[in-house]
Amino acid sequence: MNVPTRETDPSPHGTAKLSDVEIGFVRFFVHLAMQLNLARSVGEIFGYLFASPEPRTFDQVVDALEISKGSASQGLKFLGKISAVSIVYVPGDRRSYYQAEGSMRKVFGDAFRETVRPQLESNRHYLHEIEQLTEAAGDMTPEMGEHYRTRLSSLRGWNDKALMLLPLLDKLFSLPAPLFPFNLFGAKPPEPVDGESPEASS
């Protein structure tokens, strides 16, 4: 899948048609999208839909954010792929309406699997290429060859461990916040003291 990549400017494209609160939501998700190496427009679209009390049409997204139809189409397609945005049917209206997923655990869990896992898996190709280049280099001293092999081993070990951690992270994202980290390790959360709510003790 083609993942939209981020741009250098973290500011929203257009803000004239958004309220101050909507701008705040959009900026938050633009910043978050950049941390995940995604396009600015992906954060803008999700932030706008997340802040909206009702589903929005494609044209409303384009008009409110002042982005191109191409960026809106690509961003909505990606957000739909990771289940961050869904299409809502409105009786009597043939247009497609979009609404944001309200559960951040679901959004980040799916986004993590769609963005991080493919990157880690593709790293194996580059590591294999480095190994072949090291073995094929004829003008390399034994010391330099050993240095490269040590560095390569370190990279491969880190990449493999990161891939092994993904199932654990999937489980983390599926846990209700008050129960983490207890359920993650098979333990029970502490009992609340008398007169204290479970939320206050977590």
C-alpha atoms as a PDB file:
ATOM      1  CA  MET A   1       0.000   0.000   0.000  1.00  0.00           C
ATOM      2  CA  ASN A   2       1.200   3.496  -0.816  1.00  0.00           C
ATOM      3  CA  VAL A   3       1.486   5.391   2.471  1.00  0.00           C
ATOM      4  CA  PRO A   4       1.263   9.186   2.192  1.00  0.00           C
ATOM      5  CA  THR A   5       4.533  10.679   3.397  1.00  0.00           C
ATOM      6  CA  ARG A   6       4.856  13.798   5.499  1.00  0.00           C
ATOM      7  CA  GLU A   7       5.752  17.284   4.321  1.00  0.00           C
ATOM      8  CA  THR A   8       8.153  19.641   6.041  1.00  0.00           C
ATOM      9  CA  ASP A   9       5.633  22.313   7.104  1.00  0.00           C
ATOM     10  CA  PRO A  10       3.537  21.173  10.098  1.00  0.00           C
ATOM     11  CA  SER A  11       0.977  23.986   9.795  1.00  0.00           C
ATOM     12  CA  PRO A  12      -2.520  23.232   8.410  1.00  0.00           C
ATOM     13  CA  HIS A  13      -3.058  24.266   4.784  1.00  0.00           C
ATOM     14  CA  GLY A  14      -6.107  26.424   5.461  1.00  0.00           C
ATOM     15  CA  THR A  15      -7.709  27.679   8.638  1.00  0.00           C
ATOM     16  CA  ALA A  16      -9.990  30.511   7.492  1.00  0.00           C
ATOM     17  CA  LYS A  17     -13.074  28.266   7.416  1.00  0.00           C
ATOM     18  CA  LEU A  18     -12.359  26.476  10.699  1.00  0.00           C
ATOM     19  CA  SER A  19     -13.219  27.521  14.233  1.00  0.00           C
ATOM     20  CA  ASP A  20     -10.424  28.050  16.736  1.00  0.00           C
ATOM     21  CA  VAL A  21     -11.275  24.740  18.416  1.00  0.00           C
ATOM     22  CA  GLU A  22     -11.261  22.889  15.088  1.00  0.00           C
ATOM     23  CA  ILE A  23      -7.860  24.430  14.323  1.00  0.00           C
ATOM     24  CA  GLY A  24      -6.607  23.126  17.670  1.00  0.00           C
ATOM     25  CA  PHE A  25      -7.719  19.581  16.862  1.00  0.00           C
ATOM     26  CA  VAL A  26      -6.262  19.786  13.361  1.00  0.00           C
ATOM     27  CA  ARG A  27      -2.886  21.023  14.622  1.00  0.00           C
ATOM     28  CA  PHE A  28      -2.760  18.241  17.199  1.00  0.00           C
ATOM     29  CA  PHE A  29      -3.275  15.523  14.594  1.00  0.00           C
ATOM     30  CA  VAL A  30      -0.990  17.187  12.045  1.00  0.00           C
ATOM     31  CA  HIS A  31       1.794  17.059  14.627  1.00  0.00           C
ATOM     32  CA  LEU A  32       0.947  13.434  15.398  1.00  0.00           C
ATOM     33  CA  ALA A  33       0.903  12.507  11.704  1.00  0.00           C
ATOM     34  CA  MET A  34       4.388  13.947  11.310  1.00  0.00           C
ATOM     35  CA  GLN A  35       5.629  11.776  14.177  1.00  0.00           C
ATOM     36  CA  LEU A  36       4.330   8.746  12.241  1.00  0.00           C
ATOM     37  CA  ASN A  37       5.975  10.024   9.050  1.00  0.00           C
ATOM     38  CA  LEU A  38       2.605  10.572   7.377  1.00  0.00           C
ATOM     39  CA  ALA A  39       1.398  13.378   5.140  1.00  0.00           C
ATOM     40  CA  ARG A  40       0.268  16.603   6.747  1.00  0.00           C
ATOM     41  CA  SER A  41      -3.070  16.260   4.943  1.00  0.00           C
ATOM     42  CA  VAL A  42      -3.728  12.928   6.692  1.00  0.00           C
ATOM     43  CA  GLY A  43      -3.527  14.688  10.054  1.00  0.00           C
ATOM     44  CA  GLU A  44      -5.616  17.592   8.801  1.00  0.00           C
ATOM     45  CA  ILE A  45      -8.386  15.349   7.511  1.00  0.00           C
ATOM     46  CA  PHE A  46      -8.551  13.194  10.608  1.00  0.00           C
ATOM     47  CA  GLY A  47      -8.388  16.206  12.919  1.00  0.00           C
ATOM     48  CA  TYR A  48     -11.211  17.924  11.058  1.00  0.00           C
ATOM     49  CA  LEU A  49     -13.427  14.825  11.067  1.00  0.00           C
ATOM     50  CA  PHE A  50     -12.545  14.002  14.674  1.00  0.00           C
ATOM     51  CA  ALA A  51     -13.640  17.468  15.798  1.00  0.00           C
ATOM     52  CA  SER A  52     -16.833  17.385  13.757  1.00  0.00           C
ATOM     53  CA  PRO A  53     -20.054  16.440  15.610  1.00  0.00           C
ATOM     54  CA  GLU A  54     -21.469  14.926  12.437  1.00  0.00           C
ATOM     55  CA  PRO A  55     -20.164  13.135   9.317  1.00  0.00           C
ATOM     56  CA  ARG A  56     -18.773  15.281   6.518  1.00  0.00           C
ATOM     57  CA  THR A  57     -18.790  14.879   2.740  1.00  0.00           C
ATOM     58  CA  PHE A  58     -15.727  14.730   0.532  1.00  0.00           C
ATOM     59  CA  ASP A  59     -16.410  18.246  -0.785  1.00  0.00           C
ATOM     60  CA  GLN A  60     -16.775  19.584   2.756  1.00  0.00           C
ATOM     61  CA  VAL A  61     -13.378  18.145   3.671  1.00  0.00           C
ATOM     62  CA  VAL A  62     -11.757  19.717   0.602  1.00  0.00           C
ATOM     63  CA  ASP A  63     -13.462  23.080   1.132  1.00  0.00           C
ATOM     64  CA  ALA A  64     -12.909  23.360   4.892  1.00  0.00           C
ATOM     65  CA  LEU A  65      -9.229  22.380   4.786  1.00  0.00           C
ATOM     66  CA  GLU A  66      -8.449  24.052   1.437  1.00  0.00           C
ATOM     67  CA  ILE A  67      -6.610  21.001   0.171  1.00  0.00           C
ATOM     68  CA  SER A  68      -6.606  19.449  -3.288  1.00  0.00           C
ATOM     69  CA  LYS A  69      -9.066  16.719  -4.204  1.00  0.00           C
ATOM     70  CA  GLY A  70      -6.113  14.430  -4.826  1.00  0.00           C
ATOM     71  CA  SER A  71      -4.753  14.940  -1.312  1.00  0.00           C
ATOM     72  CA  ALA A  72      -8.217  14.489   0.178  1.00  0.00           C
ATOM     73  CA  SER A  73      -8.841  11.309  -1.804  1.00  0.00           C
ATOM     74  CA  GLN A  74      -5.468   9.808  -0.912  1.00  0.00           C
ATOM     75  CA  GLY A  75      -5.784  10.802   2.743  1.00  0.00           C
ATOM     76  CA  LEU A  76      -9.318   9.440   3.140  1.00  0.00           C
ATOM     77  CA  LYS A  77      -8.333   6.211   1.413  1.00  0.00           C
ATOM     78  CA  PHE A  78      -5.416   5.730   3.788  1.00  0.00           C
ATOM     79  CA  LEU A  79      -7.493   6.630   6.866  1.00  0.00           C
ATOM     80  CA  GLY A  80     -10.152   4.172   5.726  1.00  0.00           C
ATOM     81  CA  LYS A  81      -7.536   1.469   5.271  1.00  0.00           C
ATOM     82  CA  ILE A  82      -6.443   1.757   8.900  1.00  0.00           C
ATOM     83  CA  SER A  83     -10.079   2.037  10.094  1.00  0.00           C
ATOM     84  CA  ALA A  84      -9.525   5.582  11.367  1.00  0.00           C
ATOM     85  CA  VAL A  85     -12.340   6.884   9.159  1.00  0.00           C
ATOM     86  CA  SER A  86     -15.516   5.136   8.013  1.00  0.00           C
ATOM     87  CA  ILE A  87     -18.157   5.926   5.407  1.00  0.00           C
ATOM     88  CA  VAL A  88     -21.615   6.662   6.770  1.00  0.00           C
ATOM     89  CA  TYR A  89     -24.832   6.164   4.807  1.00  0.00           C
ATOM     90  CA  VAL A  90     -27.257   9.077   4.907  1.00  0.00           C
ATOM     91  CA  PRO A  91     -30.769   8.154   3.724  1.00  0.00           C
ATOM     92  CA  GLY A  92     -31.859  10.111   0.676  1.00  0.00           C
ATOM     93  CA  ASP A  93     -28.344  11.408  -0.048  1.00  0.00           C
ATOM     94  CA  ARG A  94     -26.170   9.742  -2.686  1.00  0.00           C
ATOM     95  CA  ARG A  95     -22.985  11.424  -1.459  1.00  0.00           C
ATOM     96  CA  SER A  96     -20.487   9.612   0.750  1.00  0.00           C
ATOM     97  CA  TYR A  97     -20.174  10.918   4.283  1.00  0.00           C
ATOM     98  CA  TYR A  98     -17.086  10.339   6.404  1.00  0.00           C
ATOM     99  CA  GLN A  99     -16.720  10.165  10.168  1.00  0.00           C
ATOM    100  CA  ALA A 100     -13.693   9.646  12.386  1.00  0.00           C
ATOM    101  CA  GLU A 101     -13.210   6.680  14.693  1.00  0.00           C
ATOM    102  CA  GLY A 102     -13.504   7.887  18.284  1.00  0.00           C
ATOM    103  CA  SER A 103     -11.344   5.198  19.901  1.00  0.00           C
ATOM    104  CA  MET A 104      -7.712   6.247  19.898  1.00  0.00           C
ATOM    105  CA  ARG A 105      -6.596   2.745  20.912  1.00  0.00           C
ATOM    106  CA  LYS A 106      -8.087   1.372  17.709  1.00  0.00           C
ATOM    107  CA  VAL A 107      -6.773   4.188  15.529  1.00  0.00           C
ATOM    108  CA  PHE A 108      -3.201   3.988  16.798  1.00  0.00           C
ATOM    109  CA  GLY A 109      -3.188   0.211  16.893  1.00  0.00           C
ATOM    110  CA  ASP A 110      -4.218  -0.044  13.246  1.00  0.00           C
ATOM    111  CA  ALA A 111      -1.981   2.869  12.183  1.00  0.00           C
ATOM    112  CA  PHE A 112       0.986   1.272  13.933  1.00  0.00           C
ATOM    113  CA  ARG A 113       0.464  -2.014  12.113  1.00  0.00           C
ATOM    114  CA  GLU A 114       0.015  -0.286   8.754  1.00  0.00           C
ATOM    115  CA  THR A 115       3.014   2.041   9.023  1.00  0.00           C
ATOM    116  CA  VAL A 116       5.638   0.497  11.294  1.00  0.00           C
ATOM    117  CA  ARG A 117       5.395  -3.207  10.437  1.00  0.00           C
ATOM    118  CA  PRO A 118       5.891  -2.743   6.660  1.00  0.00           C
ATOM    119  CA  GLN A 119       8.899  -0.505   7.325  1.00  0.00           C
ATOM    120  CA  LEU A 120      10.541  -3.036   9.634  1.00  0.00           C
ATOM    121  CA  GLU A 121       9.881  -5.887   7.227  1.00  0.00           C
ATOM    122  CA  SER A 122      11.283  -3.925   4.287  1.00  0.00           C
ATOM    123  CA  ASN A 123      14.420  -3.231   6.321  1.00  0.00           C
ATOM    124  CA  ARG A 124      15.407  -6.876   5.899  1.00  0.00           C
ATOM    125  CA  HIS A 125      15.941  -6.299   2.187  1.00  0.00           C
ATOM    126  CA  TYR A 126      18.366  -3.461   2.843  1.00  0.00           C
ATOM    127  CA  LEU A 127      20.212  -5.426   5.503  1.00  0.00           C
ATOM    128  CA  HIS A 128      20.667  -8.313   3.077  1.00  0.00           C
ATOM    129  CA  GLU A 129      21.954  -5.858   0.479  1.00  0.00           C
ATOM    130  CA  ILE A 130      24.519  -4.476   2.940  1.00  0.00           C
ATOM    131  CA  GLU A 131      25.657  -8.013   3.708  1.00  0.00           C
ATOM    132  CA  GLN A 132      26.155  -8.784   0.014  1.00  0.00           C
ATOM    133  CA  LEU A 133      28.046  -5.536  -0.572  1.00  0.00           C
ATOM    134  CA  THR A 134      30.322  -6.270   2.383  1.00  0.00           C
ATOM    135  CA  GLU A 135      31.164  -9.753   1.158  1.00  0.00           C
ATOM    136  CA  ALA A 136      31.697  -8.555  -2.427  1.00  0.00           C
ATOM    137  CA  ALA A 137      34.066  -5.689  -1.549  1.00  0.00           C
ATOM    138  CA  GLY A 138      37.528  -6.744  -2.713  1.00  0.00           C
ATOM    139  CA  ASP A 139      39.504  -3.741  -1.442  1.00  0.00           C
ATOM    140  CA  MET A 140      38.381  -4.010   2.169  1.00  0.00           C
ATOM    141  CA  THR A 141      40.792  -4.751   4.991  1.00  0.00           C
ATOM    142  CA  PRO A 142      39.913  -7.609   7.374  1.00  0.00           C
ATOM    143  CA  GLU A 143      39.489  -5.082  10.165  1.00  0.00           C
ATOM    144  CA  MET A 144      37.021  -2.981   8.154  1.00  0.00           C
ATOM    145  CA  GLY A 145      35.119  -6.092   7.066  1.00  0.00           C
ATOM    146  CA  GLU A 146      34.762  -7.168  10.679  1.00  0.00           C
ATOM    147  CA  HIS A 147      33.630  -3.663  11.626  1.00  0.00           C
ATOM    148  CA  TYR A 148      30.897  -3.685   8.968  1.00  0.00           C
ATOM    149  CA  ARG A 149      29.740  -7.177   9.932  1.00  0.00           C
ATOM    150  CA  THR A 150      29.499  -6.137  13.579  1.00  0.00           C
ATOM    151  CA  ARG A 151      27.462  -3.069  12.684  1.00  0.00           C
ATOM    152  CA  LEU A 152      25.229  -5.147  10.416  1.00  0.00           C
ATOM    153  CA  SER A 153      24.665  -7.721  13.155  1.00  0.00           C
ATOM    154  CA  SER A 154      23.630  -4.947  15.519  1.00  0.00           C
ATOM    155  CA  LEU A 155      21.137  -3.535  13.007  1.00  0.00           C
ATOM    156  CA  ARG A 156      19.692  -6.943  12.199  1.00  0.00           C
ATOM    157  CA  GLY A 157      19.278  -7.765  15.873  1.00  0.00           C
ATOM    158  CA  TRP A 158      17.506  -4.474  16.562  1.00  0.00           C
ATOM    159  CA  ASN A 159      15.182  -4.909  13.587  1.00  0.00           C
ATOM    160  CA  ASP A 160      14.282  -8.500  14.497  1.00  0.00           C
ATOM    161  CA  LYS A 161      13.600  -7.548  18.123  1.00  0.00           C
ATOM    162  CA  ALA A 162      11.368  -4.680  16.998  1.00  0.00           C
ATOM    163  CA  LEU A 163       9.349  -7.100  14.851  1.00  0.00           C
ATOM    164  CA  MET A 164       9.057  -9.495  17.792  1.00  0.00           C
ATOM    165  CA  LEU A 165       7.661  -6.681  19.940  1.00  0.00           C
ATOM    166  CA  LEU A 166       4.821  -5.855  17.551  1.00  0.00           C
ATOM    167  CA  PRO A 167       2.407  -8.517  18.903  1.00  0.00           C
ATOM    168  CA  LEU A 168       3.026  -7.169  22.404  1.00  0.00           C
ATOM    169  CA  LEU A 169       2.270  -3.645  21.231  1.00  0.00           C
ATOM    170  CA  ASP A 170      -0.894  -4.896  19.523  1.00  0.00           C
ATOM    171  CA  LYS A 171      -2.032  -6.253  22.877  1.00  0.00           C
ATOM    172  CA  LEU A 172      -1.131  -2.988  24.584  1.00  0.00           C
ATOM    173  CA  PHE A 173      -3.319  -0.989  22.212  1.00  0.00           C
ATOM    174  CA  SER A 174      -6.250  -3.355  22.833  1.00  0.00           C
ATOM    175  CA  LEU A 175      -6.248  -2.815  26.615  1.00  0.00           C
ATOM    176  CA  PRO A 176      -8.566  -0.357  28.366  1.00  0.00           C
ATOM    177  CA  ALA A 177      -6.385   2.410  29.770  1.00  0.00           C
ATOM    178  CA  PRO A 178      -7.257   1.838  33.476  1.00  0.00           C
ATOM    179  CA  LEU A 179      -6.143  -1.805  33.208  1.00  0.00           C
ATOM    180  CA  PHE A 180      -2.725  -1.159  31.672  1.00  0.00           C
ATOM    181  CA  PRO A 181      -0.111  -2.358  32.539  1.00  0.00           C
ATOM    182  CA  PHE A 182      -1.677  -5.031  34.751  1.00  0.00           C
ATOM    183  CA  ASN A 183      -3.513  -7.105  32.125  1.00  0.00           C
ATOM    184  CA  LEU A 184      -0.510  -6.873  29.823  1.00  0.00           C
ATOM    185  CA  PHE A 185       1.494  -9.022  32.208  1.00  0.00           C
ATOM    186  CA  GLY A 186      -1.345 -11.219  33.447  1.00  0.00           C
ATOM    187  CA  ALA A 187      -1.692  -9.452  36.815  1.00  0.00           C
ATOM    188  CA  LYS A 188      -4.757  -7.960  38.431  1.00  0.00           C
ATOM    189  CA  PRO A 189      -5.124  -4.205  38.990  1.00  0.00           C
ATOM    190  CA  PRO A 190      -4.965  -3.119  42.618  1.00  0.00           C
ATOM    191  CA  GLU A 191      -8.207  -2.951  44.570  1.00  0.00           C
ATOM    192  CA  PRO A 192      -9.378   0.609  45.212  1.00  0.00           C
ATOM    193  CA  VAL A 193      -9.239   1.790  48.790  1.00  0.00           C
ATOM    194  CA  ASP A 194     -12.490   2.482  50.633  1.00  0.00           C
ATOM    195  CA  GLY A 195     -14.278   5.471  49.220  1.00  0.00           C
ATOM    196  CA  GLU A 196     -12.023   5.682  46.163  1.00  0.00           C
ATOM    197  CA  SER A 197     -13.234   5.064  42.637  1.00  0.00           C
ATOM    198  CA  PRO A 198     -11.429   2.514  40.412  1.00  0.00           C
ATOM    199  CA  GLU A 199     -10.462   5.360  38.060  1.00  0.00           C
ATOM    200  CA  ALA A 200      -8.794   7.273  40.868  1.00  0.00           C
ATOM    201  CA  SER A 201      -6.703   4.269  41.891  1.00  0.00           C
ATOM    202  CA  SER A 202      -5.422   3.544  38.384  1.00  0.00           C
END
